[in-house]
Protein backbone atom coordinates (compact mmCIF):
# COMPACT_ATOMS: atom_id res chain seq x y z
CA MET A 1 -10.10 -49.64 73.60
CA MET A 2 -7.15 -50.86 75.30
CA ASN A 3 -8.40 -54.31 75.26
CA PRO A 4 -9.26 -54.81 71.74
CA ARG A 5 -10.45 -58.32 70.68
CA PRO A 6 -8.87 -60.30 68.98
CA LEU A 7 -9.73 -60.78 65.24
CA GLY A 8 -10.83 -64.12 64.11
CA MET A 9 -9.88 -66.70 61.49
CA ARG A 10 -12.18 -65.22 58.96
CA LYS A 11 -10.81 -61.63 59.11
CA THR A 12 -7.29 -62.85 59.63
CA VAL A 13 -7.77 -64.14 55.90
CA GLN A 14 -9.55 -61.43 54.63
CA LEU A 15 -6.65 -58.83 56.18
CA LEU A 16 -3.98 -60.86 54.65
CA ILE A 17 -5.97 -61.54 51.08
CA ILE A 18 -6.06 -57.30 50.76
CA LEU A 19 -2.98 -56.67 52.49
CA THR A 20 -1.70 -59.37 49.42
CA LEU A 21 -2.97 -57.10 46.61
CA LEU A 22 -2.41 -54.19 47.44
CA ALA A 23 1.08 -54.62 47.56
CA TRP A 24 1.35 -56.52 43.64
CA ALA A 25 -0.79 -53.56 42.63
CA THR A 26 1.25 -51.29 43.81
CA GLN A 27 4.34 -53.23 43.15
CA THR A 28 3.24 -53.69 39.14
CA LEU A 29 2.44 -49.82 39.09
CA PHE A 30 5.99 -49.00 40.12
CA HIS A 31 7.68 -51.40 37.09
CA GLN A 32 5.15 -49.65 34.54
CA TRP A 33 6.55 -46.46 35.55
CA GLY A 34 10.70 -47.79 35.62
CA TYR A 35 9.59 -48.45 31.19
CA GLY A 36 8.01 -45.34 30.69
CA GLY A 37 4.41 -47.74 30.62
CA LEU A 38 2.34 -43.95 32.08
CA ILE A 39 0.90 -41.55 28.76
CA LEU A 40 -0.40 -38.98 29.95
CA SER A 41 -3.59 -38.40 28.33
CA GLY A 42 -3.32 -35.13 25.41
CA GLN A 43 0.57 -35.34 24.47
CA ASN A 44 1.82 -36.48 21.15
CA GLU A 45 2.45 -40.20 20.37
CA SER A 46 5.25 -39.54 19.03
CA ALA A 47 6.15 -38.51 22.69
CA MET A 48 8.26 -40.74 24.59
CA ILE A 49 8.80 -41.17 28.38
CA GLU A 50 11.88 -40.79 29.55
CA ARG A 51 12.87 -44.86 30.53
CA ASP A 52 15.96 -46.23 31.67
CA PRO A 53 17.73 -47.54 29.83
CA PRO A 54 17.43 -45.34 26.78
CA ILE A 55 16.54 -45.81 23.56
CA THR A 56 19.84 -45.61 21.34
CA LEU A 57 19.74 -45.63 17.66
CA GLU A 58 22.53 -46.11 15.35
CA LEU A 59 22.73 -44.40 11.61
CA ARG A 60 23.45 -46.45 9.68
CA SER A 61 26.24 -45.27 7.10
CA GLN A 62 25.11 -46.33 3.78
CA ILE A 63 21.68 -47.42 2.31
CA ARG A 64 19.26 -48.41 -1.26
CA PRO A 65 15.98 -46.69 0.24
CA ASN A 66 13.27 -48.64 -1.72
CA GLY A 67 11.48 -45.62 -4.26
CA THR A 68 11.85 -41.90 -3.28
CA LYS A 69 10.57 -41.26 0.53
CA VAL A 70 13.77 -41.42 2.65
CA THR A 71 12.66 -42.50 6.60
CA LEU A 72 14.05 -42.92 9.86
CA GLY A 73 13.59 -46.85 9.94
CA ASP A 74 16.00 -46.71 6.46
CA VAL A 75 18.86 -44.75 8.23
CA CYS A 76 18.50 -46.27 11.86
CA ARG A 77 18.29 -49.56 13.72
CA TRP A 78 17.01 -50.05 16.89
CA SER A 79 17.20 -53.51 19.13
CA GLU A 80 14.08 -55.97 20.15
CA ARG A 81 13.97 -54.16 23.20
CA ASP A 82 12.78 -51.12 22.10
CA GLN A 83 10.85 -52.04 18.92
CA ILE A 84 7.74 -50.88 20.96
CA ALA A 85 8.66 -47.03 21.76
CA MET A 86 10.19 -46.73 18.36
CA GLU A 87 7.79 -48.76 15.91
CA PRO A 88 5.21 -45.64 15.63
CA LEU A 89 8.56 -43.34 14.25
CA ALA A 90 9.80 -45.94 11.55
CA GLY A 91 7.91 -43.97 8.63
CA LEU A 92 8.81 -40.69 9.56
CA VAL A 93 9.90 -39.03 6.52
CA LEU A 94 13.69 -37.78 7.13
CA THR A 95 13.72 -37.03 3.12
CA ARG A 96 12.69 -37.34 -0.57
CA LEU A 97 15.27 -37.80 -3.87
CA GLY A 98 14.25 -37.23 -7.01
CA ASP A 99 12.99 -40.12 -9.48
CA ALA A 100 14.60 -38.78 -12.71
CA PRO A 101 17.80 -41.58 -13.29
CA GLY A 102 20.93 -40.43 -11.98
CA ALA A 103 20.41 -38.80 -9.65
CA PRO A 104 23.24 -37.73 -7.21
CA PRO A 105 23.17 -39.37 -4.22
CA ARG A 106 21.73 -37.18 -0.54
CA ARG A 107 23.74 -36.97 2.35
CA ILE A 108 21.74 -36.66 6.12
CA SER A 109 23.65 -36.03 9.45
CA LEU A 110 23.04 -37.28 12.55
CA GLU A 111 21.87 -33.22 13.51
CA GLU A 112 19.01 -33.55 10.41
CA VAL A 113 17.91 -37.14 12.10
CA ARG A 114 18.24 -35.36 15.79
CA SER A 115 16.31 -32.26 14.34
CA ALA A 116 14.08 -34.69 12.95
CA LEU A 117 12.84 -36.09 15.46
CA ARG A 118 12.00 -33.05 17.12
CA ASP A 119 9.88 -31.96 15.09
CA ALA A 120 7.62 -35.56 15.67
CA GLY A 121 7.70 -33.93 19.30
CA VAL A 122 10.61 -36.34 20.42
CA ASN A 123 12.49 -35.63 23.25
CA VAL A 124 16.24 -36.06 22.39
CA ALA A 125 17.99 -36.29 25.39
CA ASN A 126 16.16 -39.43 26.46
CA LEU A 127 17.58 -41.03 23.16
CA GLN A 128 21.16 -42.14 22.57
CA PHE A 129 22.85 -42.51 18.82
CA SER A 130 25.92 -44.52 17.29
CA GLY A 131 26.95 -45.95 14.41
CA ALA A 132 28.12 -43.38 11.61
CA ALA A 133 28.29 -39.41 11.37
CA MET A 134 26.44 -39.38 8.61
CA CYS A 135 23.50 -41.67 6.07
CA VAL A 136 24.72 -41.94 2.60
CA VAL A 137 21.85 -42.38 0.43
CA SER A 138 21.86 -43.17 -3.38
CA PRO A 139 20.22 -46.07 -5.73
CA GLU A 140 23.62 -46.31 -6.80
CA ALA A 141 25.05 -46.52 -3.31
CA ALA A 142 27.73 -50.04 -3.28
CA ILE A 143 25.72 -51.57 -0.23
CA ASP A 144 27.21 -54.17 1.40
CA PRO A 145 25.32 -57.18 1.74
CA THR A 146 25.25 -57.26 5.74
CA ASP A 147 23.95 -53.69 5.43
CA ALA A 148 20.70 -54.53 4.21
CA PRO A 149 18.16 -51.48 4.43
CA THR A 150 15.25 -52.01 6.37
CA THR A 151 12.35 -51.08 8.53
CA GLN A 152 13.04 -53.80 11.14
CA PRO A 153 15.22 -53.98 14.66
CA VAL A 154 17.77 -55.45 14.30
CA ALA A 155 18.62 -57.77 17.41
CA GLY A 156 20.73 -58.18 20.79
CA PRO A 157 23.00 -55.28 22.06
CA LEU A 158 23.59 -52.63 19.30
CA PRO A 159 27.86 -52.29 18.84
CA MET A 160 29.78 -49.89 20.30
CA ILE A 161 31.22 -46.98 17.91
CA ALA A 162 34.27 -48.65 17.37
CA ASP A 163 32.28 -51.69 16.65
CA ALA A 164 29.74 -49.97 14.09
CA PRO A 165 30.34 -49.74 10.71
CA GLN A 166 32.63 -47.51 9.64
CA THR A 167 32.34 -45.02 6.31
CA PRO A 168 35.30 -43.74 4.84
CA LEU A 169 36.59 -40.13 4.60
CA LYS A 170 36.86 -41.11 0.64
CA ASP A 171 33.67 -41.92 0.30
CA LEU A 172 32.01 -38.93 2.52
CA LEU A 173 34.47 -36.32 -0.18
CA LEU A 174 32.74 -38.39 -3.48
CA ALA A 175 29.11 -37.83 -2.31
CA ASP A 176 29.94 -34.60 -1.63
CA LEU A 177 31.32 -33.06 -5.19
CA HIS A 178 28.16 -36.05 -7.09
CA GLU A 179 25.92 -33.97 -4.79
CA ARG A 180 27.97 -31.20 -5.99
CA LEU A 181 27.41 -31.31 -10.05
CA GLY A 182 24.75 -32.48 -9.74
CA MET A 183 26.48 -35.75 -11.16
CA SER A 184 26.09 -39.77 -10.30
CA ALA A 185 29.01 -41.90 -10.31
CA GLN A 186 28.55 -44.30 -13.37
CA GLN A 187 28.72 -40.23 -14.86
CA MET A 188 32.29 -39.38 -13.90
CA GLN A 189 35.69 -40.74 -13.24
CA ILE A 190 37.14 -39.14 -9.54
CA ASP A 191 41.18 -39.62 -9.29
CA PHE A 192 42.60 -39.07 -5.70
CA ASP A 193 46.01 -38.23 -5.69
CA ALA A 194 47.84 -40.88 -4.36
CA LYS A 195 50.08 -39.05 -1.32
CA ASP A 196 46.38 -38.40 0.39
CA GLN A 197 44.91 -41.76 0.07
CA GLN A 198 46.03 -42.89 4.01
CA MET A 199 43.76 -40.01 5.38
CA LEU A 200 41.13 -40.74 2.57
CA ALA A 201 41.30 -44.80 4.24
CA LEU A 202 40.14 -42.70 8.22
CA THR A 203 37.03 -43.66 8.68
CA THR A 204 33.52 -42.55 11.00
CA PRO A 205 32.46 -42.71 13.99
CA ARG A 206 35.94 -43.82 14.70
CA ASN A 207 37.19 -40.66 13.68
CA ARG A 208 35.39 -37.11 13.20
CA PHE A 209 35.25 -35.13 9.91
CA ASP A 210 34.56 -31.49 9.33
CA PHE A 211 35.10 -30.04 5.54
CA ASP A 212 34.08 -27.51 3.37
CA GLY A 213 32.22 -27.94 -0.50
CA ALA A 214 34.07 -29.03 -2.90
CA GLN A 215 35.95 -26.69 -4.29
CA THR A 216 36.66 -26.67 -8.37
CA ALA A 217 39.18 -24.87 -10.63
CA ALA A 218 37.03 -24.14 -14.13
CA GLY A 219 38.64 -26.04 -17.21
CA SER A 220 40.91 -28.02 -15.94
CA GLY A 221 39.14 -30.48 -13.20
CA LYS A 222 41.21 -29.64 -10.57
CA VAL A 223 38.68 -30.34 -7.34
CA SER A 224 39.74 -30.26 -3.85
CA TRP A 225 38.76 -30.51 -0.21
CA THR A 226 39.72 -28.64 3.25
CA VAL A 227 39.42 -31.21 5.57
CA GLN A 228 38.88 -30.57 9.45
CA ILE A 229 40.34 -34.20 11.18
CA LYS A 230 39.16 -34.31 14.77
CA THR A 231 40.54 -37.85 17.04
CA ASP A 232 40.17 -38.36 21.08
CA ALA A 233 44.26 -37.18 20.71
CA GLY A 234 43.48 -34.12 19.27
CA GLU A 235 42.90 -32.40 15.39
CA ARG A 236 44.10 -31.31 12.44
CA GLN A 237 44.27 -29.88 8.92
CA ALA A 238 44.53 -31.09 5.11
CA MET A 239 43.92 -30.17 2.16
CA ILE A 240 42.86 -33.77 0.35
CA CYS A 241 43.53 -33.09 -3.86
CA ALA A 242 42.00 -34.50 -6.67
CA ARG A 243 40.71 -34.85 -10.51
CA ALA A 244 37.33 -35.03 -11.73
CA ARG A 245 36.54 -36.25 -15.40
CA SER A 246 32.92 -36.74 -17.16
CA TRP A 247 31.91 -39.61 -19.28
CA GLU A 248 30.66 -37.79 -22.16
CA ASP A 249 28.87 -39.30 -25.72
CA GLN A 250 31.06 -38.14 -28.69
CA LEU A 251 31.00 -37.97 -32.47
CA VAL A 252 34.53 -37.65 -33.68
CA LEU A 253 35.57 -37.13 -37.27
CA THR A 254 37.59 -39.87 -39.16
CA ARG A 255 38.54 -37.29 -42.51
CA PRO A 256 39.22 -34.02 -42.58
CA LEU A 257 36.90 -31.54 -44.33
CA SER A 258 37.27 -28.13 -46.10
CA ARG A 259 34.32 -25.61 -45.30
CA GLY A 260 31.46 -26.11 -47.08
CA GLN A 261 32.07 -29.59 -48.12
CA ALA A 262 28.89 -31.55 -47.25
CA PHE A 263 29.08 -34.60 -44.58
CA LEU A 264 28.92 -37.75 -45.14
CA LYS A 265 27.46 -40.93 -42.38
CA SER A 266 30.85 -42.38 -43.08
CA ASP A 267 32.72 -39.27 -41.97
CA VAL A 268 32.91 -39.58 -37.90
CA ALA A 269 32.01 -42.11 -35.51
CA PRO A 270 31.14 -42.28 -32.53
CA ARG A 271 33.02 -42.20 -28.85
CA ARG A 272 32.54 -42.34 -25.46
CA ALA A 273 35.40 -39.79 -23.82
CA LEU A 274 36.41 -38.69 -20.26
CA VAL A 275 36.88 -34.83 -20.65
CA GLU A 276 38.02 -32.91 -17.45
CA GLN A 277 36.22 -29.06 -19.87
CA PRO A 278 32.06 -30.48 -21.72
CA THR A 279 31.89 -30.12 -24.59
CA THR A 280 29.46 -27.16 -25.44
CA ASN A 281 26.65 -28.80 -27.64
CA PRO A 282 28.17 -31.82 -28.46
CA LEU A 283 27.25 -33.93 -31.30
CA THR A 284 26.34 -37.40 -30.27
CA ALA A 285 24.72 -39.44 -32.62
CA ALA A 286 25.63 -40.03 -37.26
CA ASP A 287 22.23 -38.53 -38.14
CA GLN A 288 22.44 -35.47 -36.84
CA ILE A 289 25.03 -35.22 -38.97
CA LEU A 290 22.58 -35.39 -42.53
CA GLY A 291 21.84 -32.38 -44.96
CA HIS A 292 24.27 -30.43 -43.36
CA ILE A 293 27.98 -28.92 -44.84
CA ALA A 294 30.94 -27.63 -42.49
CA ALA A 295 31.27 -24.40 -41.18
CA LYS A 296 34.73 -24.50 -40.96
CA LYS A 297 37.94 -25.94 -42.30
CA LEU A 298 38.11 -29.71 -39.75
CA GLN A 299 41.01 -31.92 -39.28
CA THR A 300 40.35 -35.81 -38.62
CA GLY A 301 40.07 -36.47 -35.30
CA ASP A 302 37.88 -32.97 -34.62
CA VAL A 303 35.39 -33.51 -31.97
CA LEU A 304 31.48 -32.09 -33.66
CA CYS A 305 29.73 -29.82 -31.87
CA ALA A 306 26.08 -27.83 -33.23
CA ASP A 307 28.51 -25.13 -34.27
CA ASP A 308 31.17 -26.96 -36.45
CA MET A 309 27.70 -28.07 -39.19
CA GLN A 310 25.06 -25.32 -40.52
CA SER A 311 22.56 -25.99 -43.89
CA PRO A 312 23.28 -25.71 -47.42
CA PRO A 313 23.06 -22.41 -48.64
CA ILE A 314 19.55 -22.67 -50.82
CA VAL A 315 20.96 -19.77 -52.63
CA THR A 316 24.12 -18.80 -54.16
CA SER A 317 26.33 -15.76 -55.43
CA GLY A 318 25.88 -15.20 -58.97
CA GLN A 319 22.36 -17.16 -59.36
CA THR A 320 19.68 -15.03 -59.95
CA ILE A 321 16.56 -15.26 -57.68
CA THR A 322 13.53 -13.69 -57.61
CA VAL A 323 13.14 -11.13 -55.04
CA THR A 324 9.68 -9.84 -54.13
CA LEU A 325 9.69 -6.29 -53.17
CA ASN A 326 6.35 -4.68 -50.18
CA LEU A 327 5.48 -1.31 -51.77
CA GLY A 328 3.48 -0.89 -48.78
CA ALA A 329 -0.34 0.66 -50.54
CA ALA A 330 0.50 -0.54 -54.13
CA GLY A 331 0.70 -3.91 -53.26
CA ALA A 332 3.74 -6.64 -53.48
CA VAL A 333 5.79 -6.84 -56.75
CA GLN A 334 7.89 -9.05 -57.72
CA THR A 335 11.48 -8.83 -59.70
CA VAL A 336 14.30 -11.10 -60.40
CA ALA A 337 17.76 -10.14 -58.93
CA THR A 338 21.48 -11.45 -59.01
CA ALA A 339 22.56 -13.10 -55.38
CA LEU A 340 25.73 -11.00 -54.56
CA ASP A 341 25.88 -13.97 -52.10
CA ASP A 342 25.13 -17.49 -50.22
CA GLY A 343 22.27 -17.64 -48.23
CA VAL A 344 20.86 -20.65 -46.45
CA ASN A 345 16.77 -20.23 -45.67
CA GLY A 346 16.31 -17.48 -43.13
CA SER A 347 19.59 -15.59 -43.42
CA THR A 348 19.50 -11.81 -46.03
CA VAL A 349 21.88 -11.33 -48.54
CA ARG A 350 22.34 -8.72 -50.73
CA ALA A 351 20.99 -9.15 -54.62
CA ARG A 352 21.58 -6.53 -57.05
CA ASN A 353 18.46 -5.23 -59.55
CA GLU A 354 20.49 -5.90 -63.28
CA VAL A 355 17.79 -3.35 -64.87
CA SER A 356 18.62 -0.37 -61.78
CA ARG A 357 21.71 -1.19 -60.75
CA GLN A 358 20.15 -1.14 -57.18
CA ILE A 359 21.87 -3.10 -54.47
CA TYR A 360 19.02 -5.23 -51.98
CA HIS A 361 18.98 -6.81 -48.94
CA VAL A 362 17.17 -9.79 -49.83
CA HIS A 363 15.59 -12.38 -46.86
CA VAL A 364 15.75 -15.58 -47.97
CA THR A 365 12.54 -17.71 -47.80
CA ALA A 366 13.18 -20.50 -50.48
CA PRO A 367 15.54 -22.03 -53.09
CA GLY A 368 16.31 -19.02 -55.40
CA ALA A 369 13.70 -16.33 -53.73
CA GLY A 370 13.77 -13.83 -50.84
CA ASP A 371 12.12 -10.98 -50.23
CA VAL A 372 13.95 -7.52 -49.72
CA THR A 373 14.15 -6.31 -46.81
CA ASP A 374 14.71 -2.80 -47.22
CA GLN A 375 12.70 0.42 -49.46
CA PRO A 376 14.04 0.64 -53.06
CA THR A 377 14.62 4.40 -53.73
CA ASP A 378 13.34 4.21 -57.94
CA VAL A 379 10.26 2.08 -57.12
CA ALA A 380 9.58 3.17 -60.71
CA THR A 381 12.69 1.67 -62.49
CA THR A 382 11.94 -1.68 -60.40
CA THR A 383 8.51 -2.32 -60.55
CA SER A 384 8.57 -1.23 -64.33
CA ASN A 385 10.21 -5.49 -64.49
């Protein structure tokens, strides 16, 4: 053992080849570990292994989705380097939009994205986020052509927060109001106070905003937000005020009408107007007034609503009408009476039996006819007629 025999040339070559293969395998294994190549059996495929450098997701400021589903790939972008790791998560559904026309926009915060990733089994501690603090999702959103929605990653390094797409405070407040009122941008007009214009131009993520939901004053159109503005230099609080009005289709009277006067199609004109307080049951088409009469005195320029018109009477005061009396087991009989009131179909009028002088309450069922709703006291006199 103290005097080992020297290796032959063949043995030496074999040993060098074995050592070279062992070194190559070890180096490859360490390389795969460094890039998350190790996958443990039984784990969720979406649970990403820690890697160096970490994956960076950029939250977009606004998007116009294709359909009602909003996915992670719609609201976030990532680099080409992270495409393999992020591809299984690109279709993760974050929210769904209403499919009704004019559906209000939806806001997705950075915390909602983190929560969805955690629910999918992703260790968010191994992720970095940049871009906007909130993504506005709306079919009507004004999208910058350079910021078109896509599930494909962007190539190259992601921008720093200062260089990322910025979302003005004004856009965030508008999205909040539209969502709260359930109305789209095409249905409303919001005018902010001139004194707040400089503050409304502040953007996120360069600044951080916290604000309560829009406070509205009933019937006045006034809206306000209490906004907390945070920067690296400190924070401040401000009150942002605006005037909110909605578009409304109306019918406007073109001439004065007296109570009971019949409507003509030429008596109204259509108009689209901005209103602070919506009209209750507004009429919107000229055909709605045909065959009706004015329920009260109306002036030129009045905006018509359903309560301003009524059906014309089919029973008039002083008219002789046919009334039907239900006598129970004896059956029903008819007689005549003089109407003391005007009445439309379905209304109740008074009528007088000219023989017995008894007053009936008559439910109008047809022109010049109705059913007595109260039991007559003098049946013999009534039925003899």
